[in-house]
Amino acid sequence: MPGSGPFPPSDPYVRRFWVAALGPGAVAELLRLMRAADKGEEVRLPRYLPLLLRAGLVGATEEGLRVVDRLPVVPSELRWRFPPGLAAEHARLLGQTSTF
């Protein structure tokens, strides 16, 4: 899927930063969707689908849902959910200046 990023699902970045941005339930569901897509399996309609669509991690096509195979950096519009310490850690990781 276009927009796939630099982080595989098993990367610690996913659990550290995407969970803070979307919540543990949404990330767990995303990882389940990624595994199913990798195996070519069908899954029931995701509970967090609207959130995953808005985040650009899942897309709708005529054939069904498409899911990223690697996760991008958490976009700036979702980083407001980070506590200040996590935001600073994320900024350091990306080599940026923290906005907090």
PDB file of N, CA and C in Angstrom:
ATOM      1  N   MET A   1       0.860  -1.188   0.000  1.00  0.00           N
ATOM      2  CA  MET A   1       0.000   0.000   0.000  1.00  0.00           C
ATOM      3  C   MET A   1       0.889   1.228   0.000  1.00  0.00           C
ATOM      4  N   PRO A   2       0.592   2.228  -0.820  1.00  0.00           N
ATOM      5  CA  PRO A   2       1.392   3.449  -0.814  1.00  0.00           C
ATOM      6  C   PRO A   2       1.412   4.061   0.580  1.00  0.00           C
ATOM      7  N   GLY A   3       2.529   4.665   0.896  1.00  0.00           N
ATOM      8  CA  GLY A   3       2.650   5.279   2.217  1.00  0.00           C
ATOM      9  C   GLY A   3       3.232   4.343   3.254  1.00  0.00           C
ATOM     10  N   SER A   4       3.606   3.140   2.826  1.00  0.00           N
ATOM     11  CA  SER A   4       4.249   2.232   3.770  1.00  0.00           C
ATOM     12  C   SER A   4       5.549   2.865   4.220  1.00  0.00           C
ATOM     13  N   GLY A   5       5.895   2.654   5.463  1.00  0.00           N
ATOM     14  CA  GLY A   5       7.024   3.367   6.027  1.00  0.00           C
ATOM     15  C   GLY A   5       8.202   2.500   6.359  1.00  0.00           C
ATOM     16  N   PRO A   6       9.053   3.055   7.175  1.00  0.00           N
ATOM     17  CA  PRO A   6      10.319   2.406   7.474  1.00  0.00           C
ATOM     18  C   PRO A   6      10.274   1.361   8.595  1.00  0.00           C
ATOM     19  N   PHE A   7       9.155   1.241   9.324  1.00  0.00           N
ATOM     20  CA  PHE A   7       9.144   0.374  10.505  1.00  0.00           C
ATOM     21  C   PHE A   7       8.337  -0.901  10.302  1.00  0.00           C
ATOM     22  N   PRO A   8       8.988  -2.065  10.428  1.00  0.00           N
ATOM     23  CA  PRO A   8       8.235  -3.312  10.374  1.00  0.00           C
ATOM     24  C   PRO A   8       7.355  -3.433  11.619  1.00  0.00           C
ATOM     25  N   PRO A   9       6.330  -4.260  11.561  1.00  0.00           N
ATOM     26  CA  PRO A   9       5.405  -4.381  12.699  1.00  0.00           C
ATOM     27  C   PRO A   9       6.080  -4.776  14.005  1.00  0.00           C
ATOM     28  N   SER A  10       7.199  -5.473  13.930  1.00  0.00           N
ATOM     29  CA  SER A  10       7.884  -5.932  15.142  1.00  0.00           C
ATOM     30  C   SER A  10       8.826  -4.898  15.744  1.00  0.00           C
ATOM     31  N   ASP A  11       9.007  -3.766  15.079  1.00  0.00           N
ATOM     32  CA  ASP A  11       9.940  -2.747  15.571  1.00  0.00           C
ATOM     33  C   ASP A  11       9.419  -2.138  16.877  1.00  0.00           C
ATOM     34  N   PRO A  12      10.283  -1.925  17.864  1.00  0.00           N
ATOM     35  CA  PRO A  12       9.852  -1.308  19.128  1.00  0.00           C
ATOM     36  C   PRO A  12       9.198   0.067  18.939  1.00  0.00           C
ATOM     37  N   TYR A  13       9.538   0.766  17.859  1.00  0.00           N
ATOM     38  CA  TYR A  13       8.920   2.067  17.561  1.00  0.00           C
ATOM     39  C   TYR A  13       7.401   1.942  17.515  1.00  0.00           C
ATOM     40  N   VAL A  14       6.917   0.857  16.932  1.00  0.00           N
ATOM     41  CA  VAL A  14       5.471   0.670  16.768  1.00  0.00           C
ATOM     42  C   VAL A  14       4.778   0.629  18.126  1.00  0.00           C
ATOM     43  N   ARG A  15       5.285  -0.180  19.021  1.00  0.00           N
ATOM     44  CA  ARG A  15       4.650  -0.305  20.338  1.00  0.00           C
ATOM     45  C   ARG A  15       4.848   0.956  21.179  1.00  0.00           C
ATOM     46  N   ARG A  16       5.976   1.601  21.042  1.00  0.00           N
ATOM     47  CA  ARG A  16       6.265   2.782  21.868  1.00  0.00           C
ATOM     48  C   ARG A  16       5.467   4.000  21.414  1.00  0.00           C
ATOM     49  N   PHE A  17       5.488   4.283  20.115  1.00  0.00           N
ATOM     50  CA  PHE A  17       4.925   5.544  19.642  1.00  0.00           C
ATOM     51  C   PHE A  17       3.541   5.404  19.000  1.00  0.00           C
ATOM     52  N   TRP A  18       3.314   4.370  18.203  1.00  0.00           N
ATOM     53  CA  TRP A  18       1.989   4.215  17.610  1.00  0.00           C
ATOM     54  C   TRP A  18       0.941   3.883  18.670  1.00  0.00           C
ATOM     55  N   VAL A  19       1.306   3.131  19.697  1.00  0.00           N
ATOM     56  CA  VAL A  19       0.343   2.853  20.770  1.00  0.00           C
ATOM     57  C   VAL A  19      -0.034   4.153  21.480  1.00  0.00           C
ATOM     58  N   ALA A  20       0.937   5.032  21.685  1.00  0.00           N
ATOM     59  CA  ALA A  20       0.643   6.323  22.324  1.00  0.00           C
ATOM     60  C   ALA A  20      -0.251   7.186  21.432  1.00  0.00           C
ATOM     61  N   ALA A  21      -0.098   7.064  20.122  1.00  0.00           N
ATOM     62  CA  ALA A  21      -0.872   7.882  19.189  1.00  0.00           C
ATOM     63  C   ALA A  21      -2.288   7.357  18.963  1.00  0.00           C
ATOM     64  N   LEU A  22      -2.444   6.036  18.886  1.00  0.00           N
ATOM     65  CA  LEU A  22      -3.748   5.452  18.531  1.00  0.00           C
ATOM     66  C   LEU A  22      -4.418   4.671  19.648  1.00  0.00           C
ATOM     67  N   GLY A  23      -3.637   4.208  20.604  1.00  0.00           N
ATOM     68  CA  GLY A  23      -4.161   3.374  21.671  1.00  0.00           C
ATOM     69  C   GLY A  23      -3.817   1.920  21.428  1.00  0.00           C
ATOM     70  N   PRO A  24      -3.747   1.128  22.498  1.00  0.00           N
ATOM     71  CA  PRO A  24      -3.326  -0.267  22.361  1.00  0.00           C
ATOM     72  C   PRO A  24      -4.298  -1.127  21.562  1.00  0.00           C
ATOM     73  N   GLY A  25      -5.585  -0.897  21.681  1.00  0.00           N
ATOM     74  CA  GLY A  25      -6.560  -1.699  20.944  1.00  0.00           C
ATOM     75  C   GLY A  25      -6.448  -1.504  19.444  1.00  0.00           C
ATOM     76  N   ALA A  26      -6.301  -0.255  19.019  1.00  0.00           N
ATOM     77  CA  ALA A  26      -6.186   0.032  17.589  1.00  0.00           C
ATOM     78  C   ALA A  26      -4.900  -0.556  17.013  1.00  0.00           C
ATOM     79  N   VAL A  27      -3.800  -0.443  17.755  1.00  0.00           N
ATOM     80  CA  VAL A  27      -2.531  -0.988  17.262  1.00  0.00           C
ATOM     81  C   VAL A  27      -2.590  -2.514  17.225  1.00  0.00           C
ATOM     82  N   ALA A  28      -3.176  -3.136  18.230  1.00  0.00           N
ATOM     83  CA  ALA A  28      -3.315  -4.597  18.225  1.00  0.00           C
ATOM     84  C   ALA A  28      -4.138  -5.035  17.017  1.00  0.00           C
ATOM     85  N   GLU A  29      -5.195  -4.312  16.732  1.00  0.00           N
ATOM     86  CA  GLU A  29      -6.026  -4.657  15.580  1.00  0.00           C
ATOM     87  C   GLU A  29      -5.266  -4.440  14.271  1.00  0.00           C
ATOM     88  N   LEU A  30      -4.510  -3.362  14.184  1.00  0.00           N
ATOM     89  CA  LEU A  30      -3.706  -3.114  13.001  1.00  0.00           C
ATOM     90  C   LEU A  30      -2.710  -4.248  12.779  1.00  0.00           C
ATOM     91  N   LEU A  31      -2.038  -4.680  13.829  1.00  0.00           N
ATOM     92  CA  LEU A  31      -1.077  -5.773  13.710  1.00  0.00           C
ATOM     93  C   LEU A  31      -1.763  -7.067  13.278  1.00  0.00           C
ATOM     94  N   ARG A  32      -2.980  -7.301  13.773  1.00  0.00           N
ATOM     95  CA  ARG A  32      -3.765  -8.473  13.355  1.00  0.00           C
ATOM     96  C   ARG A  32      -4.099  -8.377  11.864  1.00  0.00           C
ATOM     97  N   LEU A  33      -4.480  -7.190  11.411  1.00  0.00           N
ATOM     98  CA  LEU A  33      -4.783  -6.990   9.994  1.00  0.00           C
ATOM     99  C   LEU A  33      -3.539  -7.185   9.127  1.00  0.00           C
ATOM    100  N   MET A  34      -2.397  -6.712   9.618  1.00  0.00           N
ATOM    101  CA  MET A  34      -1.151  -6.860   8.871  1.00  0.00           C
ATOM    102  C   MET A  34      -0.770  -8.328   8.726  1.00  0.00           C
ATOM    103  N   ARG A  35      -0.932  -9.094   9.814  1.00  0.00           N
ATOM    104  CA  ARG A  35      -0.639 -10.535   9.757  1.00  0.00           C
ATOM    105  C   ARG A  35      -1.579 -11.236   8.784  1.00  0.00           C
ATOM    106  N   ALA A  36      -2.872 -10.887   8.847  1.00  0.00           N
ATOM    107  CA  ALA A  36      -3.857 -11.518   7.959  1.00  0.00           C
ATOM    108  C   ALA A  36      -3.561 -11.169   6.503  1.00  0.00           C
ATOM    109  N   ALA A  37      -3.202  -9.926   6.238  1.00  0.00           N
ATOM    110  CA  ALA A  37      -2.880  -9.517   4.867  1.00  0.00           C
ATOM    111  C   ALA A  37      -1.654 -10.270   4.358  1.00  0.00           C
ATOM    112  N   ASP A  38      -0.674 -10.435   5.233  1.00  0.00           N
ATOM    113  CA  ASP A  38       0.546 -11.145   4.856  1.00  0.00           C
ATOM    114  C   ASP A  38       0.253 -12.601   4.492  1.00  0.00           C
ATOM    115  N   LYS A  39      -0.716 -13.187   5.186  1.00  0.00           N
ATOM    116  CA  LYS A  39      -1.064 -14.593   4.952  1.00  0.00           C
ATOM    117  C   LYS A  39      -2.185 -14.759   3.923  1.00  0.00           C
ATOM    118  N   GLY A  40      -2.776 -13.647   3.483  1.00  0.00           N
ATOM    119  CA  GLY A  40      -3.880 -13.715   2.540  1.00  0.00           C
ATOM    120  C   GLY A  40      -5.182 -14.188   3.155  1.00  0.00           C
ATOM    121  N   GLU A  41      -5.332 -13.980   4.469  1.00  0.00           N
ATOM    122  CA  GLU A  41      -6.540 -14.424   5.184  1.00  0.00           C
ATOM    123  C   GLU A  41      -7.569 -13.302   5.266  1.00  0.00           C
ATOM    124  N   GLU A  42      -8.808 -13.685   5.327  1.00  0.00           N
ATOM    125  CA  GLU A  42      -9.887 -12.722   5.543  1.00  0.00           C
ATOM    126  C   GLU A  42     -10.075 -12.518   7.044  1.00  0.00           C
ATOM    127  N   VAL A  43     -10.539 -11.340   7.408  1.00  0.00           N
ATOM    128  CA  VAL A  43     -10.799 -11.022   8.818  1.00  0.00           C
ATOM    129  C   VAL A  43     -12.151 -10.330   8.932  1.00  0.00           C
ATOM    130  N   ARG A  44     -12.691 -10.338  10.139  1.00  0.00           N
ATOM    131  CA  ARG A  44     -13.960  -9.630  10.357  1.00  0.00           C
ATOM    132  C   ARG A  44     -13.701  -8.124  10.328  1.00  0.00           C
ATOM    133  N   LEU A  45     -14.754  -7.368  10.166  1.00  0.00           N
ATOM    134  CA  LEU A  45     -14.649  -5.916  10.074  1.00  0.00           C
ATOM    135  C   LEU A  45     -13.972  -5.356  11.329  1.00  0.00           C
ATOM    136  N   PRO A  46     -12.888  -4.622  11.162  1.00  0.00           N
ATOM    137  CA  PRO A  46     -12.155  -4.101  12.317  1.00  0.00           C
ATOM    138  C   PRO A  46     -12.961  -3.082  13.111  1.00  0.00           C
ATOM    139  N   ARG A  47     -12.908  -3.205  14.413  1.00  0.00           N
ATOM    140  CA  ARG A  47     -13.615  -2.278  15.301  1.00  0.00           C
ATOM    141  C   ARG A  47     -13.050  -0.869  15.193  1.00  0.00           C
ATOM    142  N   TYR A  48     -11.738  -0.772  15.026  1.00  0.00           N
ATOM    143  CA  TYR A  48     -11.072   0.533  14.971  1.00  0.00           C
ATOM    144  C   TYR A  48     -10.862   1.018  13.539  1.00  0.00           C
ATOM    145  N   LEU A  49     -11.617   0.493  12.608  1.00  0.00           N
ATOM    146  CA  LEU A  49     -11.443   0.840  11.210  1.00  0.00           C
ATOM    147  C   LEU A  49     -11.462   2.347  10.949  1.00  0.00           C
ATOM    148  N   PRO A  50     -12.415   3.111  11.471  1.00  0.00           N
ATOM    149  CA  PRO A  50     -12.408   4.555  11.190  1.00  0.00           C
ATOM    150  C   PRO A  50     -11.102   5.238  11.625  1.00  0.00           C
ATOM    151  N   LEU A  51     -10.595   4.872  12.768  1.00  0.00           N
ATOM    152  CA  LEU A  51      -9.348   5.449  13.261  1.00  0.00           C
ATOM    153  C   LEU A  51      -8.174   5.052  12.370  1.00  0.00           C
ATOM    154  N   LEU A  52      -8.120   3.792  11.979  1.00  0.00           N
ATOM    155  CA  LEU A  52      -7.033   3.320  11.120  1.00  0.00           C
ATOM    156  C   LEU A  52      -7.104   3.940   9.729  1.00  0.00           C
ATOM    157  N   LEU A  53      -8.306   4.171   9.235  1.00  0.00           N
ATOM    158  CA  LEU A  53      -8.469   4.865   7.952  1.00  0.00           C
ATOM    159  C   LEU A  53      -7.978   6.302   8.043  1.00  0.00           C
ATOM    160  N   ARG A  54      -8.386   7.010   9.104  1.00  0.00           N
ATOM    161  CA  ARG A  54      -7.962   8.405   9.282  1.00  0.00           C
ATOM    162  C   ARG A  54      -6.443   8.524   9.421  1.00  0.00           C
ATOM    163  N   ALA A  55      -5.838   7.536  10.031  1.00  0.00           N
ATOM    164  CA  ALA A  55      -4.382   7.556  10.217  1.00  0.00           C
ATOM    165  C   ALA A  55      -3.647   7.159   8.941  1.00  0.00           C
ATOM    166  N   GLY A  56      -4.375   6.689   7.930  1.00  0.00           N
ATOM    167  CA  GLY A  56      -3.759   6.306   6.671  1.00  0.00           C
ATOM    168  C   GLY A  56      -3.060   4.960   6.698  1.00  0.00           C
ATOM    169  N   LEU A  57      -3.368   4.149   7.710  1.00  0.00           N
ATOM    170  CA  LEU A  57      -2.732   2.841   7.839  1.00  0.00           C
ATOM    171  C   LEU A  57      -3.522   1.742   7.147  1.00  0.00           C
ATOM    172  N   VAL A  58      -4.781   2.022   6.885  1.00  0.00           N
ATOM    173  CA  VAL A  58      -5.678   1.105   6.183  1.00  0.00           C
ATOM    174  C   VAL A  58      -6.401   1.931   5.123  1.00  0.00           C
ATOM    175  N   GLY A  59      -6.642   1.330   3.985  1.00  0.00           N
ATOM    176  CA  GLY A  59      -7.375   1.995   2.921  1.00  0.00           C
ATOM    177  C   GLY A  59      -8.470   1.086   2.398  1.00  0.00           C
ATOM    178  N   ALA A  60      -9.504   1.685   1.871  1.00  0.00           N
ATOM    179  CA  ALA A  60     -10.616   0.916   1.295  1.00  0.00           C
ATOM    180  C   ALA A  60     -10.479   0.916  -0.224  1.00  0.00           C
ATOM    181  N   THR A  61     -10.654  -0.265  -0.808  1.00  0.00           N
ATOM    182  CA  THR A  61     -10.646  -0.416  -2.260  1.00  0.00           C
ATOM    183  C   THR A  61     -11.907  -1.170  -2.659  1.00  0.00           C
ATOM    184  N   GLU A  62     -12.126  -1.314  -3.949  1.00  0.00           N
ATOM    185  CA  GLU A  62     -13.278  -2.085  -4.407  1.00  0.00           C
ATOM    186  C   GLU A  62     -13.160  -3.554  -4.006  1.00  0.00           C
ATOM    187  N   GLU A  63     -11.934  -4.031  -3.872  1.00  0.00           N
ATOM    188  CA  GLU A  63     -11.705  -5.436  -3.512  1.00  0.00           C
ATOM    189  C   GLU A  63     -11.796  -5.684  -2.016  1.00  0.00           C
ATOM    190  N   GLY A  64     -11.677  -4.649  -1.221  1.00  0.00           N
ATOM    191  CA  GLY A  64     -11.698  -4.799   0.234  1.00  0.00           C
ATOM    192  C   GLY A  64     -10.764  -3.808   0.897  1.00  0.00           C
ATOM    193  N   LEU A  65     -10.206  -4.197   2.011  1.00  0.00           N
ATOM    194  CA  LEU A  65      -9.299  -3.328   2.745  1.00  0.00           C
ATOM    195  C   LEU A  65      -7.859  -3.590   2.333  1.00  0.00           C
ATOM    196  N   ARG A  66      -7.075  -2.543   2.298  1.00  0.00           N
ATOM    197  CA  ARG A  66      -5.630  -2.651   2.081  1.00  0.00           C
ATOM    198  C   ARG A  66      -4.963  -2.114   3.334  1.00  0.00           C
ATOM    199  N   VAL A  67      -3.894  -2.760   3.734  1.00  0.00           N
ATOM    200  CA  VAL A  67      -3.196  -2.364   4.952  1.00  0.00           C
ATOM    201  C   VAL A  67      -1.718  -2.187   4.632  1.00  0.00           C
ATOM    202  N   VAL A  68      -1.085  -1.241   5.326  1.00  0.00           N
ATOM    203  CA  VAL A  68       0.346  -1.028   5.125  1.00  0.00           C
ATOM    204  C   VAL A  68       1.108  -2.289   5.523  1.00  0.00           C
ATOM    205  N   ASP A  69       2.274  -2.475   4.946  1.00  0.00           N
ATOM    206  CA  ASP A  69       3.103  -3.607   5.352  1.00  0.00           C
ATOM    207  C   ASP A  69       4.207  -3.161   6.310  1.00  0.00           C
ATOM    208  N   ARG A  70       4.469  -1.864   6.348  1.00  0.00           N
ATOM    209  CA  ARG A  70       5.421  -1.260   7.278  1.00  0.00           C
ATOM    210  C   ARG A  70       4.802   0.054   7.732  1.00  0.00           C
ATOM    211  N   LEU A  71       5.085   0.438   8.949  1.00  0.00           N
ATOM    212  CA  LEU A  71       4.456   1.640   9.495  1.00  0.00           C
ATOM    213  C   LEU A  71       5.344   2.864   9.319  1.00  0.00           C
ATOM    214  N   PRO A  72       4.730   3.984   8.963  1.00  0.00           N
ATOM    215  CA  PRO A  72       5.489   5.225   8.835  1.00  0.00           C
ATOM    216  C   PRO A  72       5.756   5.836  10.210  1.00  0.00           C
ATOM    217  N   VAL A  73       6.509   6.902  10.203  1.00  0.00           N
ATOM    218  CA  VAL A  73       6.685   7.702  11.407  1.00  0.00           C
ATOM    219  C   VAL A  73       5.306   8.250  11.791  1.00  0.00           C
ATOM    220  N   VAL A  74       5.009   8.312  13.075  1.00  0.00           N
ATOM    221  CA  VAL A  74       3.727   8.876  13.520  1.00  0.00           C
ATOM    222  C   VAL A  74       3.633  10.312  12.994  1.00  0.00           C
ATOM    223  N   PRO A  75       2.566  10.636  12.258  1.00  0.00           N
ATOM    224  CA  PRO A  75       2.450  11.984  11.698  1.00  0.00           C
ATOM    225  C   PRO A  75       2.274  13.041  12.793  1.00  0.00           C
ATOM    226  N   SER A  76       2.719  14.240  12.481  1.00  0.00           N
ATOM    227  CA  SER A  76       2.684  15.319  13.468  1.00  0.00           C
ATOM    228  C   SER A  76       1.274  15.581  13.993  1.00  0.00           C
ATOM    229  N   GLU A  77       0.245  15.365  13.173  1.00  0.00           N
ATOM    230  CA  GLU A  77      -1.125  15.632  13.631  1.00  0.00           C
ATOM    231  C   GLU A  77      -1.609  14.642  14.683  1.00  0.00           C
ATOM    232  N   LEU A  78      -0.891  13.542  14.881  1.00  0.00           N
ATOM    233  CA  LEU A  78      -1.238  12.592  15.942  1.00  0.00           C
ATOM    234  C   LEU A  78      -0.307  12.696  17.150  1.00  0.00           C
ATOM    235  N   ARG A  79       0.776  13.407  17.009  1.00  0.00           N
ATOM    236  CA  ARG A  79       1.758  13.478  18.102  1.00  0.00           C
ATOM    237  C   ARG A  79       1.276  14.315  19.284  1.00  0.00           C
ATOM    238  N   TRP A  80       0.202  15.069  19.128  1.00  0.00           N
ATOM    239  CA  TRP A  80      -0.330  15.848  20.257  1.00  0.00           C
ATOM    240  C   TRP A  80      -0.752  14.931  21.401  1.00  0.00           C
ATOM    241  N   ARG A  81      -0.990  13.669  21.087  1.00  0.00           N
ATOM    242  CA  ARG A  81      -1.398  12.710  22.109  1.00  0.00           C
ATOM    243  C   ARG A  81      -0.233  12.241  22.975  1.00  0.00           C
ATOM    244  N   PHE A  82       0.984  12.504  22.530  1.00  0.00           N
ATOM    245  CA  PHE A  82       2.158  12.079  23.293  1.00  0.00           C
ATOM    246  C   PHE A  82       2.298  12.907  24.563  1.00  0.00           C
ATOM    247  N   PRO A  83       2.582  12.278  25.699  1.00  0.00           N
ATOM    248  CA  PRO A  83       2.968  13.057  26.877  1.00  0.00           C
ATOM    249  C   PRO A  83       4.279  13.788  26.561  1.00  0.00           C
ATOM    250  N   PRO A  84       4.567  14.880  27.269  1.00  0.00           N
ATOM    251  CA  PRO A  84       5.760  15.679  26.944  1.00  0.00           C
ATOM    252  C   PRO A  84       7.064  14.865  26.882  1.00  0.00           C
ATOM    253  N   GLY A  85       7.270  13.948  27.811  1.00  0.00           N
ATOM    254  CA  GLY A  85       8.497  13.154  27.798  1.00  0.00           C
ATOM    255  C   GLY A  85       8.605  12.276  26.563  1.00  0.00           C
ATOM    256  N   LEU A  86       7.499  11.688  26.152  1.00  0.00           N
ATOM    257  CA  LEU A  86       7.490  10.838  24.969  1.00  0.00           C
ATOM    258  C   LEU A  86       7.673  11.679  23.706  1.00  0.00           C
ATOM    259  N   ALA A  87       7.072  12.865  23.702  1.00  0.00           N
ATOM    260  CA  ALA A  87       7.240  13.770  22.554  1.00  0.00           C
ATOM    261  C   ALA A  87       8.704  14.163  22.404  1.00  0.00           C
ATOM    262  N   ALA A  88       9.363  14.447  23.515  1.00  0.00           N
ATOM    263  CA  ALA A  88      10.787  14.798  23.473  1.00  0.00           C
ATOM    264  C   ALA A  88      11.622  13.612  22.997  1.00  0.00           C
ATOM    265  N   GLU A  89      11.301  12.408  23.478  1.00  0.00           N
ATOM    266  CA  GLU A  89      12.009  11.201  23.046  1.00  0.00           C
ATOM    267  C   GLU A  89      11.830  10.979  21.546  1.00  0.00           C
ATOM    268  N   HIS A  90      10.618  11.182  21.064  1.00  0.00           N
ATOM    269  CA  HIS A  90      10.326  11.008  19.644  1.00  0.00           C
ATOM    270  C   HIS A  90      11.098  12.040  18.814  1.00  0.00           C
ATOM    271  N   ALA A  91      11.104  13.275  19.264  1.00  0.00           N
ATOM    272  CA  ALA A  91      11.837  14.326  18.552  1.00  0.00           C
ATOM    273  C   ALA A  91      13.327  14.006  18.501  1.00  0.00           C
ATOM    274  N   ARG A  92      13.881  13.514  19.605  1.00  0.00           N
ATOM    275  CA  ARG A  92      15.307  13.140  19.613  1.00  0.00           C
ATOM    276  C   ARG A  92      15.560  12.003  18.628  1.00  0.00           C
ATOM    277  N   LEU A  93      14.653  11.027  18.608  1.00  0.00           N
ATOM    278  CA  LEU A  93      14.793   9.895  17.714  1.00  0.00           C
ATOM    279  C   LEU A  93      14.819  10.364  16.252  1.00  0.00           C
ATOM    280  N   LEU A  94      14.008  11.334  15.945  1.00  0.00           N
ATOM    281  CA  LEU A  94      13.933  11.844  14.576  1.00  0.00           C
ATOM    282  C   LEU A  94      14.941  12.957  14.303  1.00  0.00           C
ATOM    283  N   GLY A  95      15.694  13.333  15.332  1.00  0.00           N
ATOM    284  CA  GLY A  95      16.674  14.397  15.153  1.00  0.00           C
ATOM    285  C   GLY A  95      16.055  15.763  15.026  1.00  0.00           C
ATOM    286  N   GLN A  96      14.912  15.959  15.671  1.00  0.00           N
ATOM    287  CA  GLN A  96      14.184  17.222  15.607  1.00  0.00           C
ATOM    288  C   GLN A  96      14.228  17.918  16.956  1.00  0.00           C
ATOM    289  N   THR A  97      13.818  19.168  16.962  1.00  0.00           N
ATOM    290  CA  THR A  97      13.667  19.909  18.202  1.00  0.00           C
ATOM    291  C   THR A  97      12.270  19.692  18.719  1.00  0.00           C
ATOM    292  N   SER A  98      12.143  19.365  20.008  1.00  0.00           N
ATOM    293  CA  SER A  98      10.833  19.143  20.615  1.00  0.00           C
ATOM    294  C   SER A  98      10.046  20.438  20.640  1.00  0.00           C
ATOM    295  N   THR A  99       8.719  20.332  20.469  1.00  0.00           N
ATOM    296  CA  THR A  99       7.856  21.509  20.524  1.00  0.00           C
ATOM    297  C   THR A  99       7.267  21.705  21.905  1.00  0.00           C
ATOM    298  N   PHE A 100       7.695  20.914  22.885  1.00  0.00           N
ATOM    299  CA  PHE A 100       7.177  21.038  24.243  1.00  0.00           C
ATOM    300  C   PHE A 100       8.154  21.764  25.104  1.00  0.00           C
TER     301      PHE A 100
END
